[in-house]
Amino acid sequence: NIYELPNSISNLRLQHFGWANPDIRLEK
């Protein structure tokens, strides 16, 4: 219910490296 608070979006981007190599992908 966090969106019950006043909210907005930002054009700043977030990089997610949790899939960034084959070993990690296989483990996940």
mmCIF file of all heavy atoms, coordinates in Angstrom:
data_MODEL
# 
_entry.id   MODEL 
# 
loop_
_atom_site.group_PDB 
_atom_site.id 
_atom_site.type_symbol 
_atom_site.label_atom_id 
_atom_site.label_alt_id 
_atom_site.label_comp_id 
_atom_site.label_asym_id 
_atom_site.label_entity_id 
_atom_site.label_seq_id 
_atom_site.pdbx_PDB_ins_code 
_atom_site.Cartn_x 
_atom_site.Cartn_y 
_atom_site.Cartn_z 
_atom_site.occupancy 
_atom_site.B_iso_or_equiv 
_atom_site.pdbx_formal_charge 
_atom_site.auth_seq_id 
_atom_site.auth_comp_id 
_atom_site.auth_asym_id 
_atom_site.auth_atom_id 
_atom_site.pdbx_PDB_model_num 
ATOM 1   N N   . ASN A 1 1  ? 0.817  -1.212  0.000   1.00 0.00 ? 1  ASN A N   1 
ATOM 2   C CA  . ASN A 1 1  ? 0.000  0.000   0.000   1.00 0.00 ? 1  ASN A CA  1 
ATOM 3   C C   . ASN A 1 1  ? 0.857  1.271   0.000   1.00 0.00 ? 1  ASN A C   1 
ATOM 4   O O   . ASN A 1 1  ? 0.391  2.347   0.358   1.00 0.00 ? 1  ASN A O   1 
ATOM 5   C CB  . ASN A 1 1  ? -0.936 0.010   1.218   1.00 0.00 ? 1  ASN A CB  1 
ATOM 6   C CG  . ASN A 1 1  ? -0.200 0.063   2.555   1.00 0.00 ? 1  ASN A CG  1 
ATOM 7   O OD1 . ASN A 1 1  ? 0.903  -0.458  2.663   1.00 0.00 ? 1  ASN A OD1 1 
ATOM 8   N ND2 . ASN A 1 1  ? -0.818 0.676   3.545   1.00 0.00 ? 1  ASN A ND2 1 
ATOM 9   N N   . ILE A 1 2  ? 2.100  1.149   -0.441  1.00 0.00 ? 2  ILE A N   1 
ATOM 10  C CA  . ILE A 1 2  ? 3.009  2.294   -0.418  1.00 0.00 ? 2  ILE A CA  1 
ATOM 11  C C   . ILE A 1 2  ? 2.501  3.423   -1.314  1.00 0.00 ? 2  ILE A C   1 
ATOM 12  O O   . ILE A 1 2  ? 2.753  4.608   -1.064  1.00 0.00 ? 2  ILE A O   1 
ATOM 13  C CB  . ILE A 1 2  ? 4.439  1.865   -0.823  1.00 0.00 ? 2  ILE A CB  1 
ATOM 14  C CG1 . ILE A 1 2  ? 5.477  2.875   -0.317  1.00 0.00 ? 2  ILE A CG1 1 
ATOM 15  C CG2 . ILE A 1 2  ? 4.565  1.659   -2.319  1.00 0.00 ? 2  ILE A CG2 1 
ATOM 16  C CD1 . ILE A 1 2  ? 5.687  2.815   1.166   1.00 0.00 ? 2  ILE A CD1 1 
ATOM 17  N N   . TYR A 1 3  ? 1.729  3.064   -2.334  1.00 0.00 ? 3  TYR A N   1 
ATOM 18  C CA  . TYR A 1 3  ? 1.236  4.083   -3.259  1.00 0.00 ? 3  TYR A CA  1 
ATOM 19  C C   . TYR A 1 3  ? 0.065  4.886   -2.689  1.00 0.00 ? 3  TYR A C   1 
ATOM 20  O O   . TYR A 1 3  ? -0.458 5.774   -3.367  1.00 0.00 ? 3  TYR A O   1 
ATOM 21  C CB  . TYR A 1 3  ? 0.840  3.458   -4.593  1.00 0.00 ? 3  TYR A CB  1 
ATOM 22  C CG  . TYR A 1 3  ? 2.030  3.148   -5.488  1.00 0.00 ? 3  TYR A CG  1 
ATOM 23  C CD1 . TYR A 1 3  ? 2.238  1.877   -5.982  1.00 0.00 ? 3  TYR A CD1 1 
ATOM 24  C CD2 . TYR A 1 3  ? 2.944  4.150   -5.829  1.00 0.00 ? 3  TYR A CD2 1 
ATOM 25  C CE1 . TYR A 1 3  ? 3.321  1.589   -6.794  1.00 0.00 ? 3  TYR A CE1 1 
ATOM 26  C CE2 . TYR A 1 3  ? 4.022  3.879   -6.651  1.00 0.00 ? 3  TYR A CE2 1 
ATOM 27  C CZ  . TYR A 1 3  ? 4.220  2.597   -7.124  1.00 0.00 ? 3  TYR A CZ  1 
ATOM 28  O OH  . TYR A 1 3  ? 5.289  2.336   -7.939  1.00 0.00 ? 3  TYR A OH  1 
ATOM 29  N N   . GLU A 1 4  ? -0.324 4.567   -1.451  1.00 0.00 ? 4  GLU A N   1 
ATOM 30  C CA  . GLU A 1 4  ? -1.291 5.441   -0.785  1.00 0.00 ? 4  GLU A CA  1 
ATOM 31  C C   . GLU A 1 4  ? -0.656 6.789   -0.443  1.00 0.00 ? 4  GLU A C   1 
ATOM 32  O O   . GLU A 1 4  ? -1.364 7.776   -0.230  1.00 0.00 ? 4  GLU A O   1 
ATOM 33  C CB  . GLU A 1 4  ? -1.815 4.778   0.484   1.00 0.00 ? 4  GLU A CB  1 
ATOM 34  C CG  . GLU A 1 4  ? -2.674 3.547   0.217   1.00 0.00 ? 4  GLU A CG  1 
ATOM 35  C CD  . GLU A 1 4  ? -3.112 2.861   1.496   1.00 0.00 ? 4  GLU A CD  1 
ATOM 36  O OE1 . GLU A 1 4  ? -2.801 3.396   2.593   1.00 0.00 ? 4  GLU A OE1 1 
ATOM 37  O OE2 . GLU A 1 4  ? -3.762 1.796   1.418   1.00 0.00 ? 4  GLU A OE2 1 
ATOM 38  N N   . LEU A 1 5  ? 0.682  6.809   -0.388  1.00 0.00 ? 5  LEU A N   1 
ATOM 39  C CA  . LEU A 1 5  ? 1.415  8.048   -0.154  1.00 0.00 ? 5  LEU A CA  1 
ATOM 40  C C   . LEU A 1 5  ? 1.535  8.820   -1.465  1.00 0.00 ? 5  LEU A C   1 
ATOM 41  O O   . LEU A 1 5  ? 1.518  8.219   -2.547  1.00 0.00 ? 5  LEU A O   1 
ATOM 42  C CB  . LEU A 1 5  ? 2.804  7.737   0.409   1.00 0.00 ? 5  LEU A CB  1 
ATOM 43  C CG  . LEU A 1 5  ? 2.855  7.019   1.764   1.00 0.00 ? 5  LEU A CG  1 
ATOM 44  C CD1 . LEU A 1 5  ? 4.274  6.594   2.092   1.00 0.00 ? 5  LEU A CD1 1 
ATOM 45  C CD2 . LEU A 1 5  ? 2.300  7.918   2.868   1.00 0.00 ? 5  LEU A CD2 1 
ATOM 46  N N   . PRO A 1 6  ? 1.665  10.148  -1.408  1.00 0.00 ? 6  PRO A N   1 
ATOM 47  C CA  . PRO A 1 6  ? 1.847  10.926  -2.649  1.00 0.00 ? 6  PRO A CA  1 
ATOM 48  C C   . PRO A 1 6  ? 3.056  10.421  -3.416  1.00 0.00 ? 6  PRO A C   1 
ATOM 49  O O   . PRO A 1 6  ? 4.142  10.284  -2.848  1.00 0.00 ? 6  PRO A O   1 
ATOM 50  C CB  . PRO A 1 6  ? 2.060  12.354  -2.138  1.00 0.00 ? 6  PRO A CB  1 
ATOM 51  C CG  . PRO A 1 6  ? 1.463  12.376  -0.773  1.00 0.00 ? 6  PRO A CG  1 
ATOM 52  C CD  . PRO A 1 6  ? 1.664  11.003  -0.211  1.00 0.00 ? 6  PRO A CD  1 
ATOM 53  N N   . ASN A 1 7  ? 2.897  10.125  -4.692  1.00 0.00 ? 7  ASN A N   1 
ATOM 54  C CA  . ASN A 1 7  ? 3.979  9.464   -5.419  1.00 0.00 ? 7  ASN A CA  1 
ATOM 55  C C   . ASN A 1 7  ? 4.183  10.065  -6.795  1.00 0.00 ? 7  ASN A C   1 
ATOM 56  O O   . ASN A 1 7  ? 3.305  10.721  -7.350  1.00 0.00 ? 7  ASN A O   1 
ATOM 57  C CB  . ASN A 1 7  ? 3.711  7.965   -5.521  1.00 0.00 ? 7  ASN A CB  1 
ATOM 58  C CG  . ASN A 1 7  ? 2.394  7.660   -6.199  1.00 0.00 ? 7  ASN A CG  1 
ATOM 59  O OD1 . ASN A 1 7  ? 2.315  7.599   -7.424  1.00 0.00 ? 7  ASN A OD1 1 
ATOM 60  N ND2 . ASN A 1 7  ? 1.328  7.482   -5.397  1.00 0.00 ? 7  ASN A ND2 1 
ATOM 61  N N   . SER A 1 8  ? 5.370  9.817   -7.327  1.00 0.00 ? 8  SER A N   1 
ATOM 62  C CA  . SER A 1 8  ? 5.722  10.321  -8.645  1.00 0.00 ? 8  SER A CA  1 
ATOM 63  C C   . SER A 1 8  ? 6.733  9.372   -9.276  1.00 0.00 ? 8  SER A C   1 
ATOM 64  O O   . SER A 1 8  ? 7.183  8.402   -8.649  1.00 0.00 ? 8  SER A O   1 
ATOM 65  C CB  . SER A 1 8  ? 6.301  11.737  -8.543  1.00 0.00 ? 8  SER A CB  1 
ATOM 66  O OG  . SER A 1 8  ? 6.571  12.273  -9.826  1.00 0.00 ? 8  SER A OG  1 
ATOM 67  N N   . ILE A 1 9  ? 7.101  9.654   -10.522 1.00 0.00 ? 9  ILE A N   1 
ATOM 68  C CA  . ILE A 1 9  ? 8.113  8.860   -11.220 1.00 0.00 ? 9  ILE A CA  1 
ATOM 69  C C   . ILE A 1 9  ? 9.335  9.729   -11.498 1.00 0.00 ? 9  ILE A C   1 
ATOM 70  O O   . ILE A 1 9  ? 9.257  10.951  -11.519 1.00 0.00 ? 9  ILE A O   1 
ATOM 71  C CB  . ILE A 1 9  ? 7.576  8.272   -12.535 1.00 0.00 ? 9  ILE A CB  1 
ATOM 72  C CG1 . ILE A 1 9  ? 7.156  9.381   -13.492 1.00 0.00 ? 9  ILE A CG1 1 
ATOM 73  C CG2 . ILE A 1 9  ? 6.436  7.301   -12.260 1.00 0.00 ? 9  ILE A CG2 1 
ATOM 74  C CD1 . ILE A 1 9  ? 6.749  8.871   -14.873 1.00 0.00 ? 9  ILE A CD1 1 
ATOM 75  N N   . SER A 1 10 ? 10.462 9.061   -11.705 1.00 0.00 ? 10 SER A N   1 
ATOM 76  C CA  . SER A 1 10 ? 11.708 9.748   -12.050 1.00 0.00 ? 10 SER A CA  1 
ATOM 77  C C   . SER A 1 10 ? 12.273 9.124   -13.317 1.00 0.00 ? 10 SER A C   1 
ATOM 78  O O   . SER A 1 10 ? 12.136 7.914   -13.540 1.00 0.00 ? 10 SER A O   1 
ATOM 79  C CB  . SER A 1 10 ? 12.720 9.625   -10.909 1.00 0.00 ? 10 SER A CB  1 
ATOM 80  O OG  . SER A 1 10 ? 14.007 10.049  -11.327 1.00 0.00 ? 10 SER A OG  1 
ATOM 81  N N   . ASN A 1 11 ? 12.941 9.942   -14.139 1.00 0.00 ? 11 ASN A N   1 
ATOM 82  C CA  . ASN A 1 11 ? 13.568 9.395   -15.350 1.00 0.00 ? 11 ASN A CA  1 
ATOM 83  C C   . ASN A 1 11 ? 14.969 8.863   -15.089 1.00 0.00 ? 11 ASN A C   1 
ATOM 84  O O   . ASN A 1 11 ? 15.653 8.424   -16.007 1.00 0.00 ? 11 ASN A O   1 
ATOM 85  C CB  . ASN A 1 11 ? 13.602 10.446  -16.465 1.00 0.00 ? 11 ASN A CB  1 
ATOM 86  C CG  . ASN A 1 11 ? 14.488 11.636  -16.135 1.00 0.00 ? 11 ASN A CG  1 
ATOM 87  O OD1 . ASN A 1 11 ? 15.078 11.699  -15.056 1.00 0.00 ? 11 ASN A OD1 1 
ATOM 88  N ND2 . ASN A 1 11 ? 14.579 12.574  -17.054 1.00 0.00 ? 11 ASN A ND2 1 
ATOM 89  N N   . LEU A 1 12 ? 15.411 8.869   -13.841 1.00 0.00 ? 12 LEU A N   1 
ATOM 90  C CA  . LEU A 1 12 ? 16.683 8.243   -13.489 1.00 0.00 ? 12 LEU A CA  1 
ATOM 91  C C   . LEU A 1 12 ? 16.533 6.726   -13.592 1.00 0.00 ? 12 LEU A C   1 
ATOM 92  O O   . LEU A 1 12 ? 15.530 6.150   -13.159 1.00 0.00 ? 12 LEU A O   1 
ATOM 93  C CB  . LEU A 1 12 ? 17.095 8.641   -12.073 1.00 0.00 ? 12 LEU A CB  1 
ATOM 94  C CG  . LEU A 1 12 ? 17.422 10.122  -11.897 1.00 0.00 ? 12 LEU A CG  1 
ATOM 95  C CD1 . LEU A 1 12 ? 17.488 10.483  -10.423 1.00 0.00 ? 12 LEU A CD1 1 
ATOM 96  C CD2 . LEU A 1 12 ? 18.726 10.473  -12.590 1.00 0.00 ? 12 LEU A CD2 1 
ATOM 97  N N   . ARG A 1 13 ? 17.529 6.057   -14.148 1.00 0.00 ? 13 ARG A N   1 
ATOM 98  C CA  . ARG A 1 13 ? 17.416 4.647   -14.465 1.00 0.00 ? 13 ARG A CA  1 
ATOM 99  C C   . ARG A 1 13 ? 18.280 3.795   -13.547 1.00 0.00 ? 13 ARG A C   1 
ATOM 100 O O   . ARG A 1 13 ? 19.373 4.195   -13.145 1.00 0.00 ? 13 ARG A O   1 
ATOM 101 C CB  . ARG A 1 13 ? 17.803 4.408   -15.930 1.00 0.00 ? 13 ARG A CB  1 
ATOM 102 C CG  . ARG A 1 13 ? 16.930 5.155   -16.932 1.00 0.00 ? 13 ARG A CG  1 
ATOM 103 C CD  . ARG A 1 13 ? 17.514 5.070   -18.337 1.00 0.00 ? 13 ARG A CD  1 
ATOM 104 N NE  . ARG A 1 13 ? 18.858 5.648   -18.394 1.00 0.00 ? 13 ARG A NE  1 
ATOM 105 C CZ  . ARG A 1 13 ? 19.690 5.527   -19.420 1.00 0.00 ? 13 ARG A CZ  1 
ATOM 106 N NH1 . ARG A 1 13 ? 19.317 4.827   -20.479 1.00 0.00 ? 13 ARG A NH1 1 
ATOM 107 N NH2 . ARG A 1 13 ? 20.875 6.099   -19.402 1.00 0.00 ? 13 ARG A NH2 1 
ATOM 108 N N   . LEU A 1 14 ? 17.779 2.590   -13.280 1.00 0.00 ? 14 LEU A N   1 
ATOM 109 C CA  . LEU A 1 14 ? 18.449 1.666   -12.370 1.00 0.00 ? 14 LEU A CA  1 
ATOM 110 C C   . LEU A 1 14 ? 18.921 0.443   -13.141 1.00 0.00 ? 14 LEU A C   1 
ATOM 111 O O   . LEU A 1 14 ? 18.146 -0.195  -13.867 1.00 0.00 ? 14 LEU A O   1 
ATOM 112 C CB  . LEU A 1 14 ? 17.480 1.259   -11.258 1.00 0.00 ? 14 LEU A CB  1 
ATOM 113 C CG  . LEU A 1 14 ? 18.014 0.364   -10.138 1.00 0.00 ? 14 LEU A CG  1 
ATOM 114 C CD1 . LEU A 1 14 ? 19.170 1.045   -9.411  1.00 0.00 ? 14 LEU A CD1 1 
ATOM 115 C CD2 . LEU A 1 14 ? 16.889 0.044   -9.151  1.00 0.00 ? 14 LEU A CD2 1 
ATOM 116 N N   . GLN A 1 15 ? 20.202 0.123   -12.997 1.00 0.00 ? 15 GLN A N   1 
ATOM 117 C CA  . GLN A 1 15 ? 20.789 -1.035  -13.672 1.00 0.00 ? 15 GLN A CA  1 
ATOM 118 C C   . GLN A 1 15 ? 20.748 -2.247  -12.742 1.00 0.00 ? 15 GLN A C   1 
ATOM 119 O O   . GLN A 1 15 ? 21.204 -2.157  -11.591 1.00 0.00 ? 15 GLN A O   1 
ATOM 120 C CB  . GLN A 1 15 ? 22.237 -0.742  -14.075 1.00 0.00 ? 15 GLN A CB  1 
ATOM 121 C CG  . GLN A 1 15 ? 22.384 0.439   -15.017 1.00 0.00 ? 15 GLN A CG  1 
ATOM 122 C CD  . GLN A 1 15 ? 23.849 0.856   -15.164 1.00 0.00 ? 15 GLN A CD  1 
ATOM 123 O OE1 . GLN A 1 15 ? 24.501 1.238   -14.201 1.00 0.00 ? 15 GLN A OE1 1 
ATOM 124 N NE2 . GLN A 1 15 ? 24.351 0.780   -16.378 1.00 0.00 ? 15 GLN A NE2 1 
ATOM 125 N N   . HIS A 1 16 ? 20.227 -3.372  -13.236 1.00 0.00 ? 16 HIS A N   1 
ATOM 126 C CA  . HIS A 1 16 ? 20.149 -4.596  -12.452 1.00 0.00 ? 16 HIS A CA  1 
ATOM 127 C C   . HIS A 1 16 ? 21.074 -5.643  -13.075 1.00 0.00 ? 16 HIS A C   1 
ATOM 128 O O   . HIS A 1 16 ? 20.857 -6.084  -14.199 1.00 0.00 ? 16 HIS A O   1 
ATOM 129 C CB  . HIS A 1 16 ? 18.707 -5.118  -12.432 1.00 0.00 ? 16 HIS A CB  1 
ATOM 130 C CG  . HIS A 1 16 ? 18.556 -6.411  -11.709 1.00 0.00 ? 16 HIS A CG  1 
ATOM 131 N ND1 . HIS A 1 16 ? 17.735 -7.433  -12.159 1.00 0.00 ? 16 HIS A ND1 1 
ATOM 132 C CD2 . HIS A 1 16 ? 19.129 -6.863  -10.561 1.00 0.00 ? 16 HIS A CD2 1 
ATOM 133 C CE1 . HIS A 1 16 ? 17.811 -8.446  -11.324 1.00 0.00 ? 16 HIS A CE1 1 
ATOM 134 N NE2 . HIS A 1 16 ? 18.650 -8.130  -10.343 1.00 0.00 ? 16 HIS A NE2 1 
ATOM 135 N N   . PHE A 1 17 ? 22.112 -5.999  -12.311 1.00 0.00 ? 17 PHE A N   1 
ATOM 136 C CA  . PHE A 1 17 ? 23.121 -6.933  -12.833 1.00 0.00 ? 17 PHE A CA  1 
ATOM 137 C C   . PHE A 1 17 ? 22.895 -8.363  -12.339 1.00 0.00 ? 17 PHE A C   1 
ATOM 138 O O   . PHE A 1 17 ? 23.786 -9.201  -12.443 1.00 0.00 ? 17 PHE A O   1 
ATOM 139 C CB  . PHE A 1 17 ? 24.515 -6.457  -12.442 1.00 0.00 ? 17 PHE A CB  1 
ATOM 140 C CG  . PHE A 1 17 ? 24.931 -5.193  -13.151 1.00 0.00 ? 17 PHE A CG  1 
ATOM 141 C CD1 . PHE A 1 17 ? 24.756 -3.954  -12.542 1.00 0.00 ? 17 PHE A CD1 1 
ATOM 142 C CD2 . PHE A 1 17 ? 25.468 -5.241  -14.423 1.00 0.00 ? 17 PHE A CD2 1 
ATOM 143 C CE1 . PHE A 1 17 ? 25.121 -2.783  -13.196 1.00 0.00 ? 17 PHE A CE1 1 
ATOM 144 C CE2 . PHE A 1 17 ? 25.829 -4.082  -15.085 1.00 0.00 ? 17 PHE A CE2 1 
ATOM 145 C CZ  . PHE A 1 17 ? 25.655 -2.845  -14.467 1.00 0.00 ? 17 PHE A CZ  1 
ATOM 146 N N   . GLY A 1 18 ? 21.702 -8.617  -11.792 1.00 0.00 ? 18 GLY A N   1 
ATOM 147 C CA  . GLY A 1 18 ? 21.426 -9.939  -11.226 1.00 0.00 ? 18 GLY A CA  1 
ATOM 148 C C   . GLY A 1 18 ? 21.304 -11.075 -12.226 1.00 0.00 ? 18 GLY A C   1 
ATOM 149 O O   . GLY A 1 18 ? 21.190 -12.232 -11.831 1.00 0.00 ? 18 GLY A O   1 
ATOM 150 N N   . TRP A 1 19 ? 21.342 -10.735 -13.523 1.00 0.00 ? 19 TRP A N   1 
ATOM 151 C CA  . TRP A 1 19 ? 21.298 -11.764 -14.571 1.00 0.00 ? 19 TRP A CA  1 
ATOM 152 C C   . TRP A 1 19 ? 22.524 -11.653 -15.494 1.00 0.00 ? 19 TRP A C   1 
ATOM 153 O O   . TRP A 1 19 ? 22.526 -12.222 -16.590 1.00 0.00 ? 19 TRP A O   1 
ATOM 154 C CB  . TRP A 1 19 ? 20.041 -11.578 -15.428 1.00 0.00 ? 19 TRP A CB  1 
ATOM 155 C CG  . TRP A 1 19 ? 18.771 -11.523 -14.649 1.00 0.00 ? 19 TRP A CG  1 
ATOM 156 C CD1 . TRP A 1 19 ? 18.094 -10.416 -14.259 1.00 0.00 ? 19 TRP A CD1 1 
ATOM 157 C CD2 . TRP A 1 19 ? 18.033 -12.643 -14.161 1.00 0.00 ? 19 TRP A CD2 1 
ATOM 158 N NE1 . TRP A 1 19 ? 16.967 -10.762 -13.553 1.00 0.00 ? 19 TRP A NE1 1 
ATOM 159 C CE2 . TRP A 1 19 ? 16.901 -12.137 -13.481 1.00 0.00 ? 19 TRP A CE2 1 
ATOM 160 C CE3 . TRP A 1 19 ? 18.201 -14.038 -14.230 1.00 0.00 ? 19 TRP A CE3 1 
ATOM 161 C CZ2 . TRP A 1 19 ? 15.955 -12.951 -12.875 1.00 0.00 ? 19 TRP A CZ2 1 
ATOM 162 C CZ3 . TRP A 1 19 ? 17.250 -14.856 -13.633 1.00 0.00 ? 19 TRP A CZ3 1 
ATOM 163 C CH2 . TRP A 1 19 ? 16.142 -14.312 -12.958 1.00 0.00 ? 19 TRP A CH2 1 
ATOM 164 N N   . ALA A 1 20 ? 23.555 -10.973 -15.051 1.00 0.00 ? 20 ALA A N   1 
ATOM 165 C CA  . ALA A 1 20 ? 24.598 -10.511 -15.967 1.00 0.00 ? 20 ALA A CA  1 
ATOM 166 C C   . ALA A 1 20 ? 25.666 -11.536 -16.343 1.00 0.00 ? 20 ALA A C   1 
ATOM 167 O O   . ALA A 1 20 ? 26.601 -11.193 -17.064 1.00 0.00 ? 20 ALA A O   1 
ATOM 168 C CB  . ALA A 1 20 ? 25.270 -9.263  -15.393 1.00 0.00 ? 20 ALA A CB  1 
ATOM 169 N N   . ASN A 1 21 ? 25.554 -12.789 -15.888 1.00 0.00 ? 21 ASN A N   1 
ATOM 170 C CA  . ASN A 1 21 ? 26.465 -13.805 -16.433 1.00 0.00 ? 21 ASN A CA  1 
ATOM 171 C C   . ASN A 1 21 ? 25.793 -15.176 -16.366 1.00 0.00 ? 21 ASN A C   1 
ATOM 172 O O   . ASN A 1 21 ? 24.847 -15.385 -15.588 1.00 0.00 ? 21 ASN A O   1 
ATOM 173 C CB  . ASN A 1 21 ? 27.834 -13.798 -15.730 1.00 0.00 ? 21 ASN A CB  1 
ATOM 174 C CG  . ASN A 1 21 ? 27.783 -14.297 -14.306 1.00 0.00 ? 21 ASN A CG  1 
ATOM 175 O OD1 . ASN A 1 21 ? 27.294 -15.391 -14.034 1.00 0.00 ? 21 ASN A OD1 1 
ATOM 176 N ND2 . ASN A 1 21 ? 28.302 -13.486 -13.386 1.00 0.00 ? 21 ASN A ND2 1 
ATOM 177 N N   . PRO A 1 22 ? 26.223 -16.125 -17.181 1.00 0.00 ? 22 PRO A N   1 
ATOM 178 C CA  . PRO A 1 22 ? 25.542 -17.428 -17.299 1.00 0.00 ? 22 PRO A CA  1 
ATOM 179 C C   . PRO A 1 22 ? 25.458 -18.196 -15.983 1.00 0.00 ? 22 PRO A C   1 
ATOM 180 O O   . PRO A 1 22 ? 24.447 -18.860 -15.710 1.00 0.00 ? 22 PRO A O   1 
ATOM 181 C CB  . PRO A 1 22 ? 26.391 -18.175 -18.332 1.00 0.00 ? 22 PRO A CB  1 
ATOM 182 C CG  . PRO A 1 22 ? 27.062 -17.099 -19.125 1.00 0.00 ? 22 PRO A CG  1 
ATOM 183 C CD  . PRO A 1 22 ? 27.328 -15.991 -18.139 1.00 0.00 ? 22 PRO A CD  1 
ATOM 184 N N   . ASP A 1 23 ? 26.498 -18.143 -15.159 1.00 0.00 ? 23 ASP A N   1 
ATOM 185 C CA  . ASP A 1 23 ? 26.484 -18.889 -13.898 1.00 0.00 ? 23 ASP A CA  1 
ATOM 186 C C   . ASP A 1 23 ? 25.391 -18.378 -12.972 1.00 0.00 ? 23 ASP A C   1 
ATOM 187 O O   . ASP A 1 23 ? 24.693 -19.158 -12.307 1.00 0.00 ? 23 ASP A O   1 
ATOM 188 C CB  . ASP A 1 23 ? 27.847 -18.788 -13.208 1.00 0.00 ? 23 ASP A CB  1 
ATOM 189 C CG  . ASP A 1 23 ? 28.935 -19.530 -13.973 1.00 0.00 ? 23 ASP A CG  1 
ATOM 190 O OD1 . ASP A 1 23 ? 28.584 -20.429 -14.767 1.00 0.00 ? 23 ASP A OD1 1 
ATOM 191 O OD2 . ASP A 1 23 ? 30.123 -19.205 -13.784 1.00 0.00 ? 23 ASP A OD2 1 
ATOM 192 N N   . ILE A 1 24 ? 25.243 -17.046 -12.912 1.00 0.00 ? 24 ILE A N   1 
ATOM 193 C CA  . ILE A 1 24 ? 24.199 -16.467 -12.062 1.00 0.00 ? 24 ILE A CA  1 
ATOM 194 C C   . ILE A 1 24 ? 22.822 -16.852 -12.587 1.00 0.00 ? 24 ILE A C   1 
ATOM 195 O O   . ILE A 1 24 ? 21.915 -17.199 -11.814 1.00 0.00 ? 24 ILE A O   1 
ATOM 196 C CB  . ILE A 1 24 ? 24.342 -14.931 -11.997 1.00 0.00 ? 24 ILE A CB  1 
ATOM 197 C CG1 . ILE A 1 24 ? 25.616 -14.552 -11.238 1.00 0.00 ? 24 ILE A CG1 1 
ATOM 198 C CG2 . ILE A 1 24 ? 23.126 -14.298 -11.338 1.00 0.00 ? 24 ILE A CG2 1 
ATOM 199 C CD1 . ILE A 1 24 ? 25.860 -13.056 -11.188 1.00 0.00 ? 24 ILE A CD1 1 
ATOM 200 N N   . ARG A 1 25 ? 22.650 -16.808 -13.885 1.00 0.00 ? 25 ARG A N   1 
ATOM 201 C CA  . ARG A 1 25 ? 21.341 -17.148 -14.463 1.00 0.00 ? 25 ARG A CA  1 
ATOM 202 C C   . ARG A 1 25 ? 20.972 -18.603 -14.175 1.00 0.00 ? 25 ARG A C   1 
ATOM 203 O O   . ARG A 1 25 ? 19.817 -18.909 -13.825 1.00 0.00 ? 25 ARG A O   1 
ATOM 204 C CB  . ARG A 1 25 ? 21.346 -16.873 -15.973 1.00 0.00 ? 25 ARG A CB  1 
ATOM 205 C CG  . ARG A 1 25 ? 21.425 -15.385 -16.300 1.00 0.00 ? 25 ARG A CG  1 
ATOM 206 C CD  . ARG A 1 25 ? 21.066 -15.113 -17.748 1.00 0.00 ? 25 ARG A CD  1 
ATOM 207 N NE  . ARG A 1 25 ? 22.079 -15.570 -18.695 1.00 0.00 ? 25 ARG A NE  1 
ATOM 208 C CZ  . ARG A 1 25 ? 23.129 -14.857 -19.078 1.00 0.00 ? 25 ARG A CZ  1 
ATOM 209 N NH1 . ARG A 1 25 ? 23.339 -13.642 -18.560 1.00 0.00 ? 25 ARG A NH1 1 
ATOM 210 N NH2 . ARG A 1 25 ? 23.974 -15.334 -19.969 1.00 0.00 ? 25 ARG A NH2 1 
ATOM 211 N N   . LEU A 1 26 ? 21.943 -19.489 -14.285 1.00 0.00 ? 26 LEU A N   1 
ATOM 212 C CA  . LEU A 1 26 ? 21.676 -20.908 -14.006 1.00 0.00 ? 26 LEU A CA  1 
ATOM 213 C C   . LEU A 1 26 ? 21.324 -21.107 -12.532 1.00 0.00 ? 26 LEU A C   1 
ATOM 214 O O   . LEU A 1 26 ? 20.390 -21.854 -12.196 1.00 0.00 ? 26 LEU A O   1 
ATOM 215 C CB  . LEU A 1 26 ? 22.888 -21.753 -14.385 1.00 0.00 ? 26 LEU A CB  1 
ATOM 216 C CG  . LEU A 1 26 ? 22.763 -23.265 -14.133 1.00 0.00 ? 26 LEU A CG  1 
ATOM 217 C CD1 . LEU A 1 26 ? 21.590 -23.841 -14.926 1.00 0.00 ? 26 LEU A CD1 1 
ATOM 218 C CD2 . LEU A 1 26 ? 24.067 -23.971 -14.501 1.00 0.00 ? 26 LEU A CD2 1 
ATOM 219 N N   . GLU A 1 27 ? 22.050 -20.442 -11.675 1.00 0.00 ? 27 GLU A N   1 
ATOM 220 C CA  . GLU A 1 27 ? 21.773 -20.550 -10.234 1.00 0.00 ? 27 GLU A CA  1 
ATOM 221 C C   . GLU A 1 27 ? 20.354 -20.067 -9.914  1.00 0.00 ? 27 GLU A C   1 
ATOM 222 O O   . GLU A 1 27 ? 19.622 -20.700 -9.152  1.00 0.00 ? 27 GLU A O   1 
ATOM 223 C CB  . GLU A 1 27 ? 22.798 -19.725 -9.453  1.00 0.00 ? 27 GLU A CB  1 
ATOM 224 C CG  . GLU A 1 27 ? 22.555 -19.705 -7.945  1.00 0.00 ? 27 GLU A CG  1 
ATOM 225 C CD  . GLU A 1 27 ? 23.468 -18.741 -7.223  1.00 0.00 ? 27 GLU A CD  1 
ATOM 226 O OE1 . GLU A 1 27 ? 24.571 -18.446 -7.743  1.00 0.00 ? 27 GLU A OE1 1 
ATOM 227 O OE2 . GLU A 1 27 ? 23.072 -18.256 -6.144  1.00 0.00 ? 27 GLU A OE2 1 
ATOM 228 N N   . LYS A 1 28 ? 19.959 -18.919 -10.513 1.00 0.00 ? 28 LYS A N   1 
ATOM 229 C CA  . LYS A 1 28 ? 18.619 -18.390 -10.253 1.00 0.00 ? 28 LYS A CA  1 
ATOM 230 C C   . LYS A 1 28 ? 17.531 -19.290 -10.831 1.00 0.00 ? 28 LYS A C   1 
ATOM 231 O O   . LYS A 1 28 ? 16.471 -19.474 -10.227 1.00 0.00 ? 28 LYS A O   1 
ATOM 232 C CB  . LYS A 1 28 ? 18.506 -16.972 -10.817 1.00 0.00 ? 28 LYS A CB  1 
ATOM 233 C CG  . LYS A 1 28 ? 19.221 -15.922 -9.986  1.00 0.00 ? 28 LYS A CG  1 
ATOM 234 C CD  . LYS A 1 28 ? 18.802 -14.529 -10.391 1.00 0.00 ? 28 LYS A CD  1 
ATOM 235 C CE  . LYS A 1 28 ? 19.370 -13.484 -9.438  1.00 0.00 ? 28 LYS A CE  1 
ATOM 236 N NZ  . LYS A 1 28 ? 18.893 -12.123 -9.755  1.00 0.00 ? 28 LYS A NZ  1 
# 
